[in-house]
Amino acid sequence: MKTDDALHEELLGAWEETYKKGQLTLWIFLSLKEGPKYVSGLQESIERFSNGTIHAEEQSLYRTLRKYYHLKMVDYSTGKGHKGPDRKYYHLTPLGKSLLQSFVERNILLFFDEPLETLLRN
């Protein structure tokens, strides 16, 4: 039988993994709000913003960006790579920016309102 500490860590890890998968779009959009990025730049930005708690796989990012490109939420321009071929620099479209703003207003900013902020801090 697992100790309470081991069970706690197992359950917390499972919850965090589910949470992180569901938040990939938010982290991508926040990173692109900062400015255009190629995929490895997105990975670095997401890790920096999340204090190293979110690690996005390159293939997951490409798959997600392709989906949002087809939905006209993300677009790209090509630019010179450091040593190789041109890179795709992704950016938010006006629709993507609008959706991010609406999402933040409806789902993120509520964490900064009383009494929820007090509840979270105590």
PDB file of N, CA and C in Angstrom:
ATOM      1  N   MET A   1       0.839  -1.184   0.000  1.00  0.00           N
ATOM      2  CA  MET A   1       0.000   0.000   0.000  1.00  0.00           C
ATOM      3  C   MET A   1       0.884   1.248   0.000  1.00  0.00           C
ATOM      4  N   LYS A   2       0.486   2.235  -0.773  1.00  0.00           N
ATOM      5  CA  LYS A   2       1.277   3.459  -0.885  1.00  0.00           C
ATOM      6  C   LYS A   2       1.127   4.321   0.360  1.00  0.00           C
ATOM      7  N   THR A   3       2.199   5.040   0.648  1.00  0.00           N
ATOM      8  CA  THR A   3       2.119   6.002   1.746  1.00  0.00           C
ATOM      9  C   THR A   3       1.290   7.189   1.286  1.00  0.00           C
ATOM     10  N   ASP A   4       0.841   7.971   2.242  1.00  0.00           N
ATOM     11  CA  ASP A   4       0.058   9.167   1.896  1.00  0.00           C
ATOM     12  C   ASP A   4       0.860  10.110   1.015  1.00  0.00           C
ATOM     13  N   ASP A   5       2.158  10.261   1.295  1.00  0.00           N
ATOM     14  CA  ASP A   5       3.009  11.145   0.484  1.00  0.00           C
ATOM     15  C   ASP A   5       3.149  10.632  -0.942  1.00  0.00           C
ATOM     16  N   ALA A   6       3.329   9.332  -1.102  1.00  0.00           N
ATOM     17  CA  ALA A   6       3.475   8.753  -2.440  1.00  0.00           C
ATOM     18  C   ALA A   6       2.174   8.885  -3.225  1.00  0.00           C
ATOM     19  N   LEU A   7       1.057   8.623  -2.579  1.00  0.00           N
ATOM     20  CA  LEU A   7      -0.238   8.765  -3.230  1.00  0.00           C
ATOM     21  C   LEU A   7      -0.488  10.219  -3.617  1.00  0.00           C
ATOM     22  N   HIS A   8      -0.161  11.117  -2.715  1.00  0.00           N
ATOM     23  CA  HIS A   8      -0.302  12.553  -2.975  1.00  0.00           C
ATOM     24  C   HIS A   8       0.481  12.940  -4.234  1.00  0.00           C
ATOM     25  N   GLU A   9       1.739  12.528  -4.314  1.00  0.00           N
ATOM     26  CA  GLU A   9       2.589  12.867  -5.466  1.00  0.00           C
ATOM     27  C   GLU A   9       2.062  12.243  -6.754  1.00  0.00           C
ATOM     28  N   GLU A  10       1.591  11.014  -6.684  1.00  0.00           N
ATOM     29  CA  GLU A  10       1.052  10.341  -7.872  1.00  0.00           C
ATOM     30  C   GLU A  10      -0.191  11.067  -8.385  1.00  0.00           C
ATOM     31  N   LEU A  11      -1.100  11.390  -7.480  1.00  0.00           N
ATOM     32  CA  LEU A  11      -2.338  12.069  -7.867  1.00  0.00           C
ATOM     33  C   LEU A  11      -2.061  13.487  -8.374  1.00  0.00           C
ATOM     34  N   LEU A  12      -1.161  14.189  -7.708  1.00  0.00           N
ATOM     35  CA  LEU A  12      -0.800  15.537  -8.136  1.00  0.00           C
ATOM     36  C   LEU A  12      -0.163  15.503  -9.524  1.00  0.00           C
ATOM     37  N   GLY A  13       0.722  14.551  -9.746  1.00  0.00           N
ATOM     38  CA  GLY A  13       1.361  14.416 -11.050  1.00  0.00           C
ATOM     39  C   GLY A  13       0.351  14.157 -12.162  1.00  0.00           C
ATOM     40  N   ALA A  14      -0.615  13.286 -11.907  1.00  0.00           N
ATOM     41  CA  ALA A  14      -1.654  12.985 -12.908  1.00  0.00           C
ATOM     42  C   ALA A  14      -2.508  14.222 -13.190  1.00  0.00           C
ATOM     43  N   TRP A  15      -2.875  14.947 -12.147  1.00  0.00           N
ATOM     44  CA  TRP A  15      -3.684  16.162 -12.307  1.00  0.00           C
ATOM     45  C   TRP A  15      -2.915  17.201 -13.116  1.00  0.00           C
ATOM     46  N   GLU A  16      -1.644  17.400 -12.775  1.00  0.00           N
ATOM     47  CA  GLU A  16      -0.819  18.387 -13.483  1.00  0.00           C
ATOM     48  C   GLU A  16      -0.637  18.013 -14.948  1.00  0.00           C
ATOM     49  N   GLU A  17      -0.464  16.748 -15.238  1.00  0.00           N
ATOM     50  CA  GLU A  17      -0.290  16.317 -16.626  1.00  0.00           C
ATOM     51  C   GLU A  17      -1.537  16.629 -17.451  1.00  0.00           C
ATOM     52  N   THR A  18      -2.704  16.346 -16.902  1.00  0.00           N
ATOM     53  CA  THR A  18      -3.964  16.660 -17.579  1.00  0.00           C
ATOM     54  C   THR A  18      -4.108  18.165 -17.750  1.00  0.00           C
ATOM     55  N   TYR A  19      -3.806  18.924 -16.716  1.00  0.00           N
ATOM     56  CA  TYR A  19      -3.879  20.379 -16.758  1.00  0.00           C
ATOM     57  C   TYR A  19      -2.966  20.946 -17.838  1.00  0.00           C
ATOM     58  N   LYS A  20      -1.732  20.464 -17.894  1.00  0.00           N
ATOM     59  CA  LYS A  20      -0.750  20.987 -18.841  1.00  0.00           C
ATOM     60  C   LYS A  20      -1.156  20.717 -20.283  1.00  0.00           C
ATOM     61  N   LYS A  21      -1.677  19.536 -20.565  1.00  0.00           N
ATOM     62  CA  LYS A  21      -2.117  19.225 -21.927  1.00  0.00           C
ATOM     63  C   LYS A  21      -3.242  20.151 -22.349  1.00  0.00           C
ATOM     64  N   GLY A  22      -4.139  20.454 -21.443  1.00  0.00           N
ATOM     65  CA  GLY A  22      -5.261  21.328 -21.745  1.00  0.00           C
ATOM     66  C   GLY A  22      -4.869  22.785 -21.902  1.00  0.00           C
ATOM     67  N   GLN A  23      -3.703  23.153 -21.431  1.00  0.00           N
ATOM     68  CA  GLN A  23      -3.274  24.549 -21.456  1.00  0.00           C
ATOM     69  C   GLN A  23      -2.324  24.882 -22.600  1.00  0.00           C
ATOM     70  N   LEU A  24      -1.999  23.937 -23.458  1.00  0.00           N
ATOM     71  CA  LEU A  24      -1.016  24.183 -24.510  1.00  0.00           C
ATOM     72  C   LEU A  24      -1.413  25.358 -25.400  1.00  0.00           C
ATOM     73  N   THR A  25      -2.675  25.458 -25.774  1.00  0.00           N
ATOM     74  CA  THR A  25      -3.113  26.568 -26.617  1.00  0.00           C
ATOM     75  C   THR A  25      -2.860  27.905 -25.930  1.00  0.00           C
ATOM     76  N   LEU A  26      -3.196  28.000 -24.660  1.00  0.00           N
ATOM     77  CA  LEU A  26      -2.964  29.249 -23.929  1.00  0.00           C
ATOM     78  C   LEU A  26      -1.495  29.630 -23.953  1.00  0.00           C
ATOM     79  N   TRP A  27      -0.614  28.682 -23.681  1.00  0.00           N
ATOM     80  CA  TRP A  27       0.819  28.975 -23.644  1.00  0.00           C
ATOM     81  C   TRP A  27       1.345  29.358 -25.025  1.00  0.00           C
ATOM     82  N   ILE A  28       0.863  28.686 -26.062  1.00  0.00           N
ATOM     83  CA  ILE A  28       1.272  29.046 -27.428  1.00  0.00           C
ATOM     84  C   ILE A  28       0.836  30.461 -27.743  1.00  0.00           C
ATOM     85  N   PHE A  29      -0.421  30.776 -27.456  1.00  0.00           N
ATOM     86  CA  PHE A  29      -0.941  32.099 -27.793  1.00  0.00           C
ATOM     87  C   PHE A  29      -0.252  33.196 -26.979  1.00  0.00           C
ATOM     88  N   LEU A  30       0.008  32.940 -25.704  1.00  0.00           N
ATOM     89  CA  LEU A  30       0.727  33.927 -24.901  1.00  0.00           C
ATOM     90  C   LEU A  30       2.125  34.159 -25.450  1.00  0.00           C
ATOM     91  N   SER A  31       2.786  33.096 -25.857  1.00  0.00           N
ATOM     92  CA  SER A  31       4.133  33.221 -26.423  1.00  0.00           C
ATOM     93  C   SER A  31       4.109  34.017 -27.726  1.00  0.00           C
ATOM     94  N   LEU A  32       3.103  33.760 -28.565  1.00  0.00           N
ATOM     95  CA  LEU A  32       3.000  34.486 -29.828  1.00  0.00           C
ATOM     96  C   LEU A  32       2.549  35.928 -29.616  1.00  0.00           C
ATOM     97  N   LYS A  33       1.843  36.189 -28.540  1.00  0.00           N
ATOM     98  CA  LYS A  33       1.470  37.571 -28.226  1.00  0.00           C
ATOM     99  C   LYS A  33       2.724  38.412 -27.981  1.00  0.00           C
ATOM    100  N   GLU A  34       3.753  37.776 -27.453  1.00  0.00           N
ATOM    101  CA  GLU A  34       5.031  38.445 -27.209  1.00  0.00           C
ATOM    102  C   GLU A  34       5.697  38.852 -28.520  1.00  0.00           C
ATOM    103  N   GLY A  35       5.433  38.102 -29.588  1.00  0.00           N
ATOM    104  CA  GLY A  35       5.998  38.408 -30.895  1.00  0.00           C
ATOM    105  C   GLY A  35       6.148  37.145 -31.720  1.00  0.00           C
ATOM    106  N   PRO A  36       6.415  37.289 -33.025  1.00  0.00           N
ATOM    107  CA  PRO A  36       6.563  36.125 -33.910  1.00  0.00           C
ATOM    108  C   PRO A  36       7.696  35.209 -33.446  1.00  0.00           C
ATOM    109  N   LYS A  37       7.456  33.905 -33.599  1.00  0.00           N
ATOM    110  CA  LYS A  37       8.455  32.922 -33.163  1.00  0.00           C
ATOM    111  C   LYS A  37       8.431  31.713 -34.082  1.00  0.00           C
ATOM    112  N   TYR A  38       9.578  31.089 -34.243  1.00  0.00           N
ATOM    113  CA  TYR A  38       9.641  29.788 -34.892  1.00  0.00           C
ATOM    114  C   TYR A  38       9.445  28.748 -33.797  1.00  0.00           C
ATOM    115  N   VAL A  39       9.328  27.487 -34.170  1.00  0.00           N
ATOM    116  CA  VAL A  39       8.914  26.463 -33.206  1.00  0.00           C
ATOM    117  C   VAL A  39       9.860  26.343 -32.017  1.00  0.00           C
ATOM    118  N   SER A  40      11.167  26.316 -32.247  1.00  0.00           N
ATOM    119  CA  SER A  40      12.058  26.187 -31.084  1.00  0.00           C
ATOM    120  C   SER A  40      12.007  27.444 -30.215  1.00  0.00           C
ATOM    121  N   GLY A  41      11.745  28.593 -30.814  1.00  0.00           N
ATOM    122  CA  GLY A  41      11.548  29.815 -30.038  1.00  0.00           C
ATOM    123  C   GLY A  41      10.290  29.731 -29.195  1.00  0.00           C
ATOM    124  N   LEU A  42       9.258  29.110 -29.743  1.00  0.00           N
ATOM    125  CA  LEU A  42       8.027  28.888 -28.977  1.00  0.00           C
ATOM    126  C   LEU A  42       8.297  27.980 -27.779  1.00  0.00           C
ATOM    127  N   GLN A  43       9.044  26.905 -28.009  1.00  0.00           N
ATOM    128  CA  GLN A  43       9.378  25.997 -26.912  1.00  0.00           C
ATOM    129  C   GLN A  43      10.098  26.744 -25.795  1.00  0.00           C
ATOM    130  N   GLU A  44      11.073  27.543 -26.150  1.00  0.00           N
ATOM    131  CA  GLU A  44      11.841  28.301 -25.153  1.00  0.00           C
ATOM    132  C   GLU A  44      10.952  29.283 -24.407  1.00  0.00           C
ATOM    133  N   SER A  45      10.097  29.971 -25.123  1.00  0.00           N
ATOM    134  CA  SER A  45       9.211  30.953 -24.512  1.00  0.00           C
ATOM    135  C   SER A  45       8.227  30.288 -23.548  1.00  0.00           C
ATOM    136  N   ILE A  46       7.641  29.186 -23.973  1.00  0.00           N
ATOM    137  CA  ILE A  46       6.687  28.470 -23.118  1.00  0.00           C
ATOM    138  C   ILE A  46       7.371  28.006 -21.833  1.00  0.00           C
ATOM    139  N   GLU A  47       8.561  27.464 -21.951  1.00  0.00           N
ATOM    140  CA  GLU A  47       9.279  27.021 -20.752  1.00  0.00           C
ATOM    141  C   GLU A  47       9.623  28.204 -19.852  1.00  0.00           C
ATOM    142  N   ARG A  48      10.014  29.320 -20.452  1.00  0.00           N
ATOM    143  CA  ARG A  48      10.360  30.515 -19.658  1.00  0.00           C
ATOM    144  C   ARG A  48       9.122  31.050 -18.940  1.00  0.00           C
ATOM    145  N   PHE A  49       8.019  31.216 -19.672  1.00  0.00           N
ATOM    146  CA  PHE A  49       6.799  31.747 -19.067  1.00  0.00           C
ATOM    147  C   PHE A  49       6.249  30.836 -17.972  1.00  0.00           C
ATOM    148  N   SER A  50       6.404  29.530 -18.154  1.00  0.00           N
ATOM    149  CA  SER A  50       5.836  28.584 -17.189  1.00  0.00           C
ATOM    150  C   SER A  50       6.832  28.203 -16.096  1.00  0.00           C
ATOM    151  N   ASN A  51       7.927  28.928 -16.005  1.00  0.00           N
ATOM    152  CA  ASN A  51       8.974  28.629 -15.021  1.00  0.00           C
ATOM    153  C   ASN A  51       9.460  27.184 -15.126  1.00  0.00           C
ATOM    154  N   GLY A  52       9.528  26.698 -16.367  1.00  0.00           N
ATOM    155  CA  GLY A  52      10.050  25.364 -16.605  1.00  0.00           C
ATOM    156  C   GLY A  52       9.092  24.226 -16.328  1.00  0.00           C
ATOM    157  N   THR A  53       7.822  24.526 -16.072  1.00  0.00           N
ATOM    158  CA  THR A  53       6.875  23.453 -15.757  1.00  0.00           C
ATOM    159  C   THR A  53       6.181  22.892 -16.989  1.00  0.00           C
ATOM    160  N   ILE A  54       6.187  23.618 -18.104  1.00  0.00           N
ATOM    161  CA  ILE A  54       5.552  23.148 -19.337  1.00  0.00           C
ATOM    162  C   ILE A  54       6.638  22.917 -20.377  1.00  0.00           C
ATOM    163  N   HIS A  55       6.678  21.699 -20.913  1.00  0.00           N
ATOM    164  CA  HIS A  55       7.626  21.339 -21.965  1.00  0.00           C
ATOM    165  C   HIS A  55       6.825  20.853 -23.162  1.00  0.00           C
ATOM    166  N   ALA A  56       6.771  21.661 -24.212  1.00  0.00           N
ATOM    167  CA  ALA A  56       5.998  21.306 -25.397  1.00  0.00           C
ATOM    168  C   ALA A  56       6.887  20.581 -26.401  1.00  0.00           C
ATOM    169  N   GLU A  57       6.436  19.436 -26.833  1.00  0.00           N
ATOM    170  CA  GLU A  57       7.164  18.674 -27.840  1.00  0.00           C
ATOM    171  C   GLU A  57       7.042  19.371 -29.190  1.00  0.00           C
ATOM    172  N   GLU A  58       8.106  19.306 -29.967  1.00  0.00           N
ATOM    173  CA  GLU A  58       8.142  19.960 -31.277  1.00  0.00           C
ATOM    174  C   GLU A  58       6.986  19.498 -32.160  1.00  0.00           C
ATOM    175  N   GLN A  59       6.744  18.201 -32.229  1.00  0.00           N
ATOM    176  CA  GLN A  59       5.669  17.679 -33.086  1.00  0.00           C
ATOM    177  C   GLN A  59       4.292  18.132 -32.608  1.00  0.00           C
ATOM    178  N   SER A  60       4.097  18.238 -31.301  1.00  0.00           N
ATOM    179  CA  SER A  60       2.829  18.745 -30.765  1.00  0.00           C
ATOM    180  C   SER A  60       2.610  20.186 -31.186  1.00  0.00           C
ATOM    181  N   LEU A  61       3.679  20.971 -31.140  1.00  0.00           N
ATOM    182  CA  LEU A  61       3.569  22.368 -31.546  1.00  0.00           C
ATOM    183  C   LEU A  61       3.256  22.483 -33.035  1.00  0.00           C
ATOM    184  N   TYR A  62       3.964  21.734 -33.877  1.00  0.00           N
ATOM    185  CA  TYR A  62       3.691  21.774 -35.317  1.00  0.00           C
ATOM    186  C   TYR A  62       2.246  21.371 -35.614  1.00  0.00           C
ATOM    187  N   ARG A  63       1.781  20.312 -34.985  1.00  0.00           N
ATOM    188  CA  ARG A  63       0.408  19.841 -35.196  1.00  0.00           C
ATOM    189  C   ARG A  63      -0.601  20.915 -34.784  1.00  0.00           C
ATOM    190  N   THR A  64      -0.373  21.501 -33.630  1.00  0.00           N
ATOM    191  CA  THR A  64      -1.279  22.525 -33.115  1.00  0.00           C
ATOM    192  C   THR A  64      -1.242  23.774 -33.992  1.00  0.00           C
ATOM    193  N   LEU A  65      -0.058  24.203 -34.387  1.00  0.00           N
ATOM    194  CA  LEU A  65       0.065  25.393 -35.238  1.00  0.00           C
ATOM    195  C   LEU A  65      -0.594  25.180 -36.594  1.00  0.00           C
ATOM    196  N   ARG A  66      -0.469  23.980 -37.156  1.00  0.00           N
ATOM    197  CA  ARG A  66      -1.133  23.678 -38.432  1.00  0.00           C
ATOM    198  C   ARG A  66      -2.643  23.801 -38.291  1.00  0.00           C
ATOM    199  N   LYS A  67      -3.163  23.262 -37.196  1.00  0.00           N
ATOM    200  CA  LYS A  67      -4.608  23.324 -36.948  1.00  0.00           C
ATOM    201  C   LYS A  67      -5.060  24.783 -36.841  1.00  0.00           C
ATOM    202  N   TYR A  68      -4.324  25.582 -36.079  1.00  0.00           N
ATOM    203  CA  TYR A  68      -4.724  26.984 -35.890  1.00  0.00           C
ATOM    204  C   TYR A  68      -4.474  27.836 -37.132  1.00  0.00           C
ATOM    205  N   TYR A  69      -3.537  27.426 -37.955  1.00  0.00           N
ATOM    206  CA  TYR A  69      -3.329  28.095 -39.243  1.00  0.00           C
ATOM    207  C   TYR A  69      -4.561  27.891 -40.133  1.00  0.00           C
ATOM    208  N   HIS A  70      -5.061  26.659 -40.181  1.00  0.00           N
ATOM    209  CA  HIS A  70      -6.245  26.361 -41.003  1.00  0.00           C
ATOM    210  C   HIS A  70      -7.497  27.040 -40.458  1.00  0.00           C
ATOM    211  N   LEU A  71      -7.514  27.311 -39.166  1.00  0.00           N
ATOM    212  CA  LEU A  71      -8.649  28.020 -38.553  1.00  0.00           C
ATOM    213  C   LEU A  71      -8.466  29.537 -38.577  1.00  0.00           C
ATOM    214  N   LYS A  72      -7.375  29.997 -39.197  1.00  0.00           N
ATOM    215  CA  LYS A  72      -7.062  31.419 -39.367  1.00  0.00           C
ATOM    216  C   LYS A  72      -6.812  32.157 -38.049  1.00  0.00           C
ATOM    217  N   MET A  73      -6.333  31.414 -37.045  1.00  0.00           N
ATOM    218  CA  MET A  73      -5.990  31.997 -35.752  1.00  0.00           C
ATOM    219  C   MET A  73      -4.499  32.329 -35.684  1.00  0.00           C
ATOM    220  N   VAL A  74      -3.710  31.612 -36.478  1.00  0.00           N
ATOM    221  CA  VAL A  74      -2.262  31.778 -36.528  1.00  0.00           C
ATOM    222  C   VAL A  74      -1.861  31.846 -37.995  1.00  0.00           C
ATOM    223  N   ASP A  75      -0.867  32.658 -38.283  1.00  0.00           N
ATOM    224  CA  ASP A  75      -0.307  32.723 -39.627  1.00  0.00           C
ATOM    225  C   ASP A  75       1.211  32.674 -39.480  1.00  0.00           C
ATOM    226  N   TYR A  76       1.915  32.675 -40.585  1.00  0.00           N
ATOM    227  CA  TYR A  76       3.370  32.657 -40.520  1.00  0.00           C
ATOM    228  C   TYR A  76       3.956  33.416 -41.690  1.00  0.00           C
ATOM    229  N   SER A  77       5.187  33.809 -41.502  1.00  0.00           N
ATOM    230  CA  SER A  77       5.987  34.367 -42.585  1.00  0.00           C
ATOM    231  C   SER A  77       7.308  33.618 -42.554  1.00  0.00           C
ATOM    232  N   THR A  78       7.991  33.606 -43.678  1.00  0.00           N
ATOM    233  CA  THR A  78       9.271  32.908 -43.711  1.00  0.00           C
ATOM    234  C   THR A  78      10.396  33.906 -43.517  1.00  0.00           C
ATOM    235  N   GLY A  79      11.439  33.431 -42.892  1.00  0.00           N
ATOM    236  CA  GLY A  79      12.617  34.251 -42.638  1.00  0.00           C
ATOM    237  C   GLY A  79      13.847  33.375 -42.609  1.00  0.00           C
ATOM    238  N   LYS A  80      14.964  33.985 -42.677  1.00  0.00           N
ATOM    239  CA  LYS A  80      16.237  33.260 -42.697  1.00  0.00           C
ATOM    240  C   LYS A  80      16.441  32.480 -41.406  1.00  0.00           C
ATOM    241  N   GLY A  81      16.932  31.253 -41.587  1.00  0.00           N
ATOM    242  CA  GLY A  81      17.362  30.446 -40.459  1.00  0.00           C
ATOM    243  C   GLY A  81      18.793  30.804 -40.118  1.00  0.00           C
ATOM    244  N   HIS A  82      19.276  30.312 -39.006  1.00  0.00           N
ATOM    245  CA  HIS A  82      20.647  30.629 -38.592  1.00  0.00           C
ATOM    246  C   HIS A  82      21.679  30.046 -39.557  1.00  0.00           C
ATOM    247  N   LYS A  83      21.533  28.766 -39.892  1.00  0.00           N
ATOM    248  CA  LYS A  83      22.515  28.139 -40.770  1.00  0.00           C
ATOM    249  C   LYS A  83      21.867  27.343 -41.885  1.00  0.00           C
ATOM    250  N   GLY A  84      20.598  27.068 -41.777  1.00  0.00           N
ATOM    251  CA  GLY A  84      19.949  26.198 -42.745  1.00  0.00           C
ATOM    252  C   GLY A  84      18.916  26.922 -43.584  1.00  0.00           C
ATOM    253  N   PRO A  85      17.866  26.194 -43.937  1.00  0.00           N
ATOM    254  CA  PRO A  85      16.822  26.765 -44.789  1.00  0.00           C
ATOM    255  C   PRO A  85      16.002  27.823 -44.039  1.00  0.00           C
ATOM    256  N   ASP A  86      15.150  28.507 -44.793  1.00  0.00           N
ATOM    257  CA  ASP A  86      14.258  29.497 -44.187  1.00  0.00           C
ATOM    258  C   ASP A  86      13.383  28.837 -43.123  1.00  0.00           C
ATOM    259  N   ARG A  87      12.997  29.638 -42.141  1.00  0.00           N
ATOM    260  CA  ARG A  87      12.136  29.170 -41.056  1.00  0.00           C
ATOM    261  C   ARG A  87      10.766  29.811 -41.183  1.00  0.00           C
ATOM    262  N   LYS A  88       9.775  29.136 -40.607  1.00  0.00           N
ATOM    263  CA  LYS A  88       8.445  29.715 -40.482  1.00  0.00           C
ATOM    264  C   LYS A  88       8.380  30.430 -39.141  1.00  0.00           C
ATOM    265  N   TYR A  89       8.087  31.719 -39.193  1.00  0.00           N
ATOM    266  CA  TYR A  89       7.890  32.515 -37.984  1.00  0.00           C
ATOM    267  C   TYR A  89       6.391  32.704 -37.808  1.00  0.00           C
ATOM    268  N   TYR A  90       5.852  32.095 -36.751  1.00  0.00           N
ATOM    269  CA  TYR A  90       4.416  32.116 -36.510  1.00  0.00           C
ATOM    270  C   TYR A  90       4.027  33.362 -35.723  1.00  0.00           C
ATOM    271  N   HIS A  91       2.820  33.851 -36.006  1.00  0.00           N
ATOM    272  CA  HIS A  91       2.273  34.993 -35.265  1.00  0.00           C
ATOM    273  C   HIS A  91       0.759  34.852 -35.184  1.00  0.00           C
ATOM    274  N   LEU A  92       0.190  35.548 -34.229  1.00  0.00           N
ATOM    275  CA  LEU A  92      -1.264  35.547 -34.084  1.00  0.00           C
ATOM    276  C   LEU A  92      -1.890  36.436 -35.145  1.00  0.00           C
ATOM    277  N   THR A  93      -3.001  35.999 -35.681  1.00  0.00           N
ATOM    278  CA  THR A  93      -3.788  36.836 -36.579  1.00  0.00           C
ATOM    279  C   THR A  93      -4.680  37.732 -35.718  1.00  0.00           C
ATOM    280  N   PRO A  94      -5.351  38.700 -36.318  1.00  0.00           N
ATOM    281  CA  PRO A  94      -6.312  39.486 -35.524  1.00  0.00           C
ATOM    282  C   PRO A  94      -7.350  38.598 -34.828  1.00  0.00           C
ATOM    283  N   LEU A  95      -7.807  37.538 -35.501  1.00  0.00           N
ATOM    284  CA  LEU A  95      -8.747  36.618 -34.879  1.00  0.00           C
ATOM    285  C   LEU A  95      -8.105  35.926 -33.675  1.00  0.00           C
ATOM    286  N   GLY A  96      -6.869  35.468 -33.821  1.00  0.00           N
ATOM    287  CA  GLY A  96      -6.164  34.825 -32.718  1.00  0.00           C
ATOM    288  C   GLY A  96      -5.987  35.758 -31.531  1.00  0.00           C
ATOM    289  N   LYS A  97      -5.629  37.011 -31.806  1.00  0.00           N
ATOM    290  CA  LYS A  97      -5.469  37.996 -30.727  1.00  0.00           C
ATOM    291  C   LYS A  97      -6.792  38.234 -30.017  1.00  0.00           C
ATOM    292  N   SER A  98      -7.862  38.357 -30.791  1.00  0.00           N
ATOM    293  CA  SER A  98      -9.180  38.583 -30.217  1.00  0.00           C
ATOM    294  C   SER A  98      -9.627  37.399 -29.362  1.00  0.00           C
ATOM    295  N   LEU A  99      -9.414  36.190 -29.860  1.00  0.00           N
ATOM    296  CA  LEU A  99      -9.775  34.995 -29.094  1.00  0.00           C
ATOM    297  C   LEU A  99      -8.970  34.890 -27.806  1.00  0.00           C
ATOM    298  N   LEU A 100      -7.679  35.183 -27.879  1.00  0.00           N
ATOM    299  CA  LEU A 100      -6.855  35.150 -26.670  1.00  0.00           C
ATOM    300  C   LEU A 100      -7.379  36.146 -25.644  1.00  0.00           C
ATOM    301  N   GLN A 101      -7.655  37.356 -26.069  1.00  0.00           N
ATOM    302  CA  GLN A 101      -8.151  38.377 -25.151  1.00  0.00           C
ATOM    303  C   GLN A 101      -9.476  37.946 -24.509  1.00  0.00           C
ATOM    304  N   SER A 102     -10.383  37.412 -25.319  1.00  0.00           N
ATOM    305  CA  SER A 102     -11.672  36.958 -24.784  1.00  0.00           C
ATOM    306  C   SER A 102     -11.483  35.805 -23.802  1.00  0.00           C
ATOM    307  N   PHE A 103     -10.600  34.863 -24.142  1.00  0.00           N
ATOM    308  CA  PHE A 103     -10.347  33.741 -23.252  1.00  0.00           C
ATOM    309  C   PHE A 103      -9.791  34.217 -21.921  1.00  0.00           C
ATOM    310  N   VAL A 104      -8.817  35.117 -21.971  1.00  0.00           N
ATOM    311  CA  VAL A 104      -8.207  35.636 -20.744  1.00  0.00           C
ATOM    312  C   VAL A 104      -9.251  36.348 -19.889  1.00  0.00           C
ATOM    313  N   GLU A 105     -10.071  37.171 -20.507  1.00  0.00           N
ATOM    314  CA  GLU A 105     -11.094  37.906 -19.759  1.00  0.00           C
ATOM    315  C   GLU A 105     -12.090  36.955 -19.101  1.00  0.00           C
ATOM    316  N   ARG A 106     -12.471  35.894 -19.805  1.00  0.00           N
ATOM    317  CA  ARG A 106     -13.491  34.980 -19.281  1.00  0.00           C
ATOM    318  C   ARG A 106     -12.939  33.914 -18.346  1.00  0.00           C
ATOM    319  N   ASN A 107     -11.673  33.542 -18.494  1.00  0.00           N
ATOM    320  CA  ASN A 107     -11.175  32.373 -17.778  1.00  0.00           C
ATOM    321  C   ASN A 107      -9.948  32.585 -16.905  1.00  0.00           C
ATOM    322  N   ILE A 108      -9.186  33.637 -17.137  1.00  0.00           N
ATOM    323  CA  ILE A 108      -7.951  33.847 -16.380  1.00  0.00           C
ATOM    324  C   ILE A 108      -8.092  34.980 -15.374  1.00  0.00           C
ATOM    325  N   LEU A 109      -8.627  36.090 -15.803  1.00  0.00           N
ATOM    326  CA  LEU A 109      -8.698  37.253 -14.917  1.00  0.00           C
ATOM    327  C   LEU A 109      -9.565  37.023 -13.690  1.00  0.00           C
ATOM    328  N   LEU A 110     -10.476  36.066 -13.751  1.00  0.00           N
ATOM    329  CA  LEU A 110     -11.310  35.784 -12.581  1.00  0.00           C
ATOM    330  C   LEU A 110     -10.477  35.318 -11.392  1.00  0.00           C
ATOM    331  N   PHE A 111      -9.275  34.784 -11.648  1.00  0.00           N
ATOM    332  CA  PHE A 111      -8.415  34.355 -10.550  1.00  0.00           C
ATOM    333  C   PHE A 111      -7.826  35.532  -9.770  1.00  0.00           C
ATOM    334  N   PHE A 112      -7.940  36.729 -10.317  1.00  0.00           N
ATOM    335  CA  PHE A 112      -7.409  37.917  -9.653  1.00  0.00           C
ATOM    336  C   PHE A 112      -8.495  38.720  -8.951  1.00  0.00           C
ATOM    337  N   ASP A 113      -9.731  38.239  -8.989  1.00  0.00           N
ATOM    338  CA  ASP A 113     -10.839  38.904  -8.317  1.00  0.00           C
ATOM    339  C   ASP A 113     -11.020  38.327  -6.916  1.00  0.00           C
ATOM    340  N   GLU A 114     -11.445  39.197  -5.995  1.00  0.00           N
ATOM    341  CA  GLU A 114     -11.821  38.732  -4.667  1.00  0.00           C
ATOM    342  C   GLU A 114     -13.152  38.012  -4.808  1.00  0.00           C
ATOM    343  N   PRO A 115     -13.500  37.032  -4.048  1.00  0.00           N
ATOM    344  CA  PRO A 115     -12.710  36.404  -2.989  1.00  0.00           C
ATOM    345  C   PRO A 115     -11.836  35.252  -3.504  1.00  0.00           C
ATOM    346  N   LEU A 116     -11.889  34.971  -4.815  1.00  0.00           N
ATOM    347  CA  LEU A 116     -11.139  33.831  -5.338  1.00  0.00           C
ATOM    348  C   LEU A 116      -9.639  33.986  -5.134  1.00  0.00           C
ATOM    349  N   GLU A 117      -9.113  35.188  -5.327  1.00  0.00           N
ATOM    350  CA  GLU A 117      -7.684  35.385  -5.124  1.00  0.00           C
ATOM    351  C   GLU A 117      -7.296  35.087  -3.680  1.00  0.00           C
ATOM    352  N   THR A 118      -8.088  35.557  -2.736  1.00  0.00           N
ATOM    353  CA  THR A 118      -7.817  35.286  -1.325  1.00  0.00           C
ATOM    354  C   THR A 118      -7.875  33.800  -1.037  1.00  0.00           C
ATOM    355  N   LEU A 119      -8.871  33.122  -1.586  1.00  0.00           N
ATOM    356  CA  LEU A 119      -9.010  31.684  -1.391  1.00  0.00           C
ATOM    357  C   LEU A 119      -7.790  30.938  -1.926  1.00  0.00           C
ATOM    358  N   LEU A 120      -7.300  31.351  -3.089  1.00  0.00           N
ATOM    359  CA  LEU A 120      -6.143  30.689  -3.688  1.00  0.00           C
ATOM    360  C   LEU A 120      -4.864  30.950  -2.892  1.00  0.00           C
ATOM    361  N   ARG A 121      -4.741  32.112  -2.303  1.00  0.00           N
ATOM    362  CA  ARG A 121      -3.522  32.469  -1.579  1.00  0.00           C
ATOM    363  C   ARG A 121      -3.486  31.915  -0.156  1.00  0.00           C
ATOM    364  N   ASN A 122      -4.621  31.532   0.381  1.00  0.00           N
ATOM    365  CA  ASN A 122      -4.678  31.029   1.771  1.00  0.00           C
ATOM    366  C   ASN A 122      -4.799  29.525   1.824  1.00  0.00           C
TER     367      ASN A 122
END
